[in-house]
Amino acid sequence: MEKAYTAAGQKFWASDHWDTTIVITISVVFITLSYISAVAKKMHRNQLAYETSERERISAELSFLKAQINPHFFFNTLHTIYALMDTDQPAAKNSIYNLSHMMRYVLYDTRNDRTSLLKEIDFIEDYIALMKVRISPEVQIIVDKQANMPDLEIVPMLLLPFIENAFKHGISAIQPSYIFIGISMEDNNLKFEVRNSLFEDLGKQLDEDPGIGIANTKRRLDLLYAEKYSLEIDRDENAKEHSITLTISK
């Protein structure tokens, strides 16, 4: 009888112990899952906060870069017109008229993060026409624009600094010089190319100090296109040529 009671007691204790183990296990699993869920939610909130903060930081930096680029462009252009006032007043008047068209683009079309590629190209062509008035007619300016160029969205004022640099460093009043500008679509990618004459002293200066326009443009490319662009800058001493090739994926 005692043995039967002992066996029954042991059976009851074992059953009770098993039930307790199950409850504890379930509780531990529940607490663990709750903790993991809470941690995951916190990480998600932190990630969202970081992404929001990063977007705001990038937006602020882009606004700062744009604020630097626009005055930089106007100062250079006004300097060009000022140089014409003493040498060719009719040309200076025409240049002011052309500048008014360019200002509309800069003041209105660059407000947004993106603009039309065709408008950007029109703006570049106006700038080249403005520069042609100032430079020697002996300088060769070649613009190779793809026929029936498809339109797409692009960051405004993105291409001009490379062309400005070519006019600044790639032409000479006493030596034969040229600037080649090519714009095309290849394999659904935008390809922009600038090649210009390379002069030894100016070439070294260009390598050492590419200027605020180029520096800002590189930063804008990093922020807005990240892995979707490639920029190749080459200096060919044998051919006496400096070139940049910018490729942007759609």
Foldseek 3Di string as FASTA:
>chain_A
DVVVVVVVVVVVVVVVVVVVVVVVVVVVVVVVVVVVVVVVVVVVVVVVVVVVVVVVVLVVVLVVLLVVVVVVVVVVLVVLLVVCVVPPVVLSVVLVVLVVVLVCCSVPVLPDQKHKPVVLVVSLVSVVVSVCVRADPLEAEAEAEDPPADIDIDGHPLPVLVVVLCSVQFDDNPDHKYKYWYWHADPQKTKIKIKIAADVVSNVVCVVDVDSSVVSSVVCCCSPQNPFKDKDWDQDPVVRMTMIMIIGHD
